[in-house]
């Protein structure tokens, strides 16, 4: 009996998450960030991160920004591409 569509989607997402987690540690070890910025809000990334990003870049040290949600990740990614 085939799995219901929603169950298949959950299994697929879980597999994608597990593969991404396996790539995360080696990527971080290779990048070697010296500091981390954690942004937990669900709104305001353009203002909050955008305000501080030029200073983080100016420091000249590798860093990462951690966020809790995909929408915030998308907003912060756009800021970092500028």
C-alpha atoms as a PDB file:
ATOM      1  CA  UNK A   1       0.000   0.000   0.000  1.00  0.00           C
ATOM      2  CA  UNK A   2       1.546   3.368  -1.008  1.00  0.00           C
ATOM      3  CA  UNK A   3       2.096   6.064   1.591  1.00  0.00           C
ATOM      4  CA  UNK A   4      -0.342   9.000   1.627  1.00  0.00           C
ATOM      5  CA  UNK A   5       0.950  12.042  -0.227  1.00  0.00           C
ATOM      6  CA  UNK A   6       1.428  14.126   2.948  1.00  0.00           C
ATOM      7  CA  UNK A   7       3.417  11.312   4.570  1.00  0.00           C
ATOM      8  CA  UNK A   8       5.625  11.032   1.487  1.00  0.00           C
ATOM      9  CA  UNK A   9       6.275  14.765   1.614  1.00  0.00           C
ATOM     10  CA  UNK A  10       7.247  14.588   5.302  1.00  0.00           C
ATOM     11  CA  UNK A  11       9.627  11.703   4.643  1.00  0.00           C
ATOM     12  CA  UNK A  12      11.188  13.567   1.701  1.00  0.00           C
ATOM     13  CA  UNK A  13      11.683  16.725   3.811  1.00  0.00           C
ATOM     14  CA  UNK A  14      13.192  14.689   6.640  1.00  0.00           C
ATOM     15  CA  UNK A  15      15.656  13.096   4.222  1.00  0.00           C
ATOM     16  CA  UNK A  16      16.596  16.509   2.829  1.00  0.00           C
ATOM     17  CA  UNK A  17      17.106  17.858   6.358  1.00  0.00           C
ATOM     18  CA  UNK A  18      19.303  14.929   7.313  1.00  0.00           C
ATOM     19  CA  UNK A  19      21.450  15.349   4.194  1.00  0.00           C
ATOM     20  CA  UNK A  20      21.794  19.081   4.868  1.00  0.00           C
ATOM     21  CA  UNK A  21      22.826  18.427   8.477  1.00  0.00           C
ATOM     22  CA  UNK A  22      25.508  16.002   7.290  1.00  0.00           C
ATOM     23  CA  UNK A  23      26.966  18.757   5.065  1.00  0.00           C
ATOM     24  CA  UNK A  24      26.742  21.479   7.713  1.00  0.00           C
ATOM     25  CA  UNK A  25      29.564  20.484  10.054  1.00  0.00           C
ATOM     26  CA  UNK A  26      32.211  20.038   7.315  1.00  0.00           C
ATOM     27  CA  UNK A  27      31.139  23.342   5.737  1.00  0.00           C
ATOM     28  CA  UNK A  28      31.468  25.167   9.067  1.00  0.00           C
ATOM     29  CA  UNK A  29      34.814  23.535   9.787  1.00  0.00           C
ATOM     30  CA  UNK A  30      36.104  24.607   6.373  1.00  0.00           C
ATOM     31  CA  UNK A  31      34.772  28.170   6.720  1.00  0.00           C
ATOM     32  CA  UNK A  32      35.965  28.513  10.346  1.00  0.00           C
ATOM     33  CA  UNK A  33      33.715  31.385  11.477  1.00  0.00           C
ATOM     34  CA  UNK A  34      35.116  33.458  14.327  1.00  0.00           C
ATOM     35  CA  UNK A  35      31.757  34.731  15.518  1.00  0.00           C
ATOM     36  CA  UNK A  36      28.061  33.974  15.172  1.00  0.00           C
ATOM     37  CA  UNK A  37      25.121  36.354  14.975  1.00  0.00           C
ATOM     38  CA  UNK A  38      21.840  34.816  16.124  1.00  0.00           C
ATOM     39  CA  UNK A  39      18.635  36.384  14.831  1.00  0.00           C
ATOM     40  CA  UNK A  40      15.525  34.870  16.440  1.00  0.00           C
ATOM     41  CA  UNK A  41      12.824  37.319  15.402  1.00  0.00           C
ATOM     42  CA  UNK A  42      10.251  36.479  12.756  1.00  0.00           C
ATOM     43  CA  UNK A  43      10.193  40.081  11.484  1.00  0.00           C
ATOM     44  CA  UNK A  44      12.632  42.916  10.950  1.00  0.00           C
ATOM     45  CA  UNK A  45      15.650  41.183   9.453  1.00  0.00           C
ATOM     46  CA  UNK A  46      16.061  43.881   6.816  1.00  0.00           C
ATOM     47  CA  UNK A  47      16.330  46.527   9.499  1.00  0.00           C
ATOM     48  CA  UNK A  48      18.124  44.687  12.316  1.00  0.00           C
ATOM     49  CA  UNK A  49      20.597  42.594  10.336  1.00  0.00           C
ATOM     50  CA  UNK A  50      20.859  45.245   7.622  1.00  0.00           C
ATOM     51  CA  UNK A  51      21.887  47.816  10.226  1.00  0.00           C
ATOM     52  CA  UNK A  52      24.710  45.664  11.621  1.00  0.00           C
ATOM     53  CA  UNK A  53      25.866  43.777   8.535  1.00  0.00           C
ATOM     54  CA  UNK A  54      28.245  46.491   7.245  1.00  0.00           C
ATOM     55  CA  UNK A  55      30.016  46.493  10.623  1.00  0.00           C
ATOM     56  CA  UNK A  56      30.311  42.705  10.705  1.00  0.00           C
ATOM     57  CA  UNK A  57      31.808  42.777   7.215  1.00  0.00           C
ATOM     58  CA  UNK A  58      34.130  45.645   8.112  1.00  0.00           C
ATOM     59  CA  UNK A  59      35.610  43.601  10.969  1.00  0.00           C
ATOM     60  CA  UNK A  60      37.097  41.364   8.279  1.00  0.00           C
ATOM     61  CA  UNK A  61      36.587  38.115  10.189  1.00  0.00           C
ATOM     62  CA  UNK A  62      34.545  35.163   8.929  1.00  0.00           C
ATOM     63  CA  UNK A  63      31.123  34.963  10.549  1.00  0.00           C
ATOM     64  CA  UNK A  64      27.783  33.265  10.172  1.00  0.00           C
ATOM     65  CA  UNK A  65      24.232  34.398  10.846  1.00  0.00           C
ATOM     66  CA  UNK A  66      21.911  31.820  12.402  1.00  0.00           C
ATOM     67  CA  UNK A  67      18.157  32.181  12.230  1.00  0.00           C
ATOM     68  CA  UNK A  68      15.207  29.992  13.183  1.00  0.00           C
ATOM     69  CA  UNK A  69      12.911  30.283  10.182  1.00  0.00           C
ATOM     70  CA  UNK A  70      13.139  29.831   6.422  1.00  0.00           C
ATOM     71  CA  UNK A  71      11.541  33.243   5.668  1.00  0.00           C
ATOM     72  CA  UNK A  72      14.171  35.001   7.795  1.00  0.00           C
ATOM     73  CA  UNK A  73      16.894  32.949   6.136  1.00  0.00           C
ATOM     74  CA  UNK A  74      15.643  34.141   2.741  1.00  0.00           C
ATOM     75  CA  UNK A  75      15.616  37.805   3.847  1.00  0.00           C
ATOM     76  CA  UNK A  76      19.064  37.608   5.394  1.00  0.00           C
ATOM     77  CA  UNK A  77      20.433  35.801   2.332  1.00  0.00           C
ATOM     78  CA  UNK A  78      19.262  38.677   0.157  1.00  0.00           C
ATOM     79  CA  UNK A  79      20.968  41.191   2.444  1.00  0.00           C
ATOM     80  CA  UNK A  80      24.222  39.252   2.309  1.00  0.00           C
ATOM     81  CA  UNK A  81      24.186  39.125  -1.495  1.00  0.00           C
ATOM     82  CA  UNK A  82      24.223  42.920  -1.779  1.00  0.00           C
END
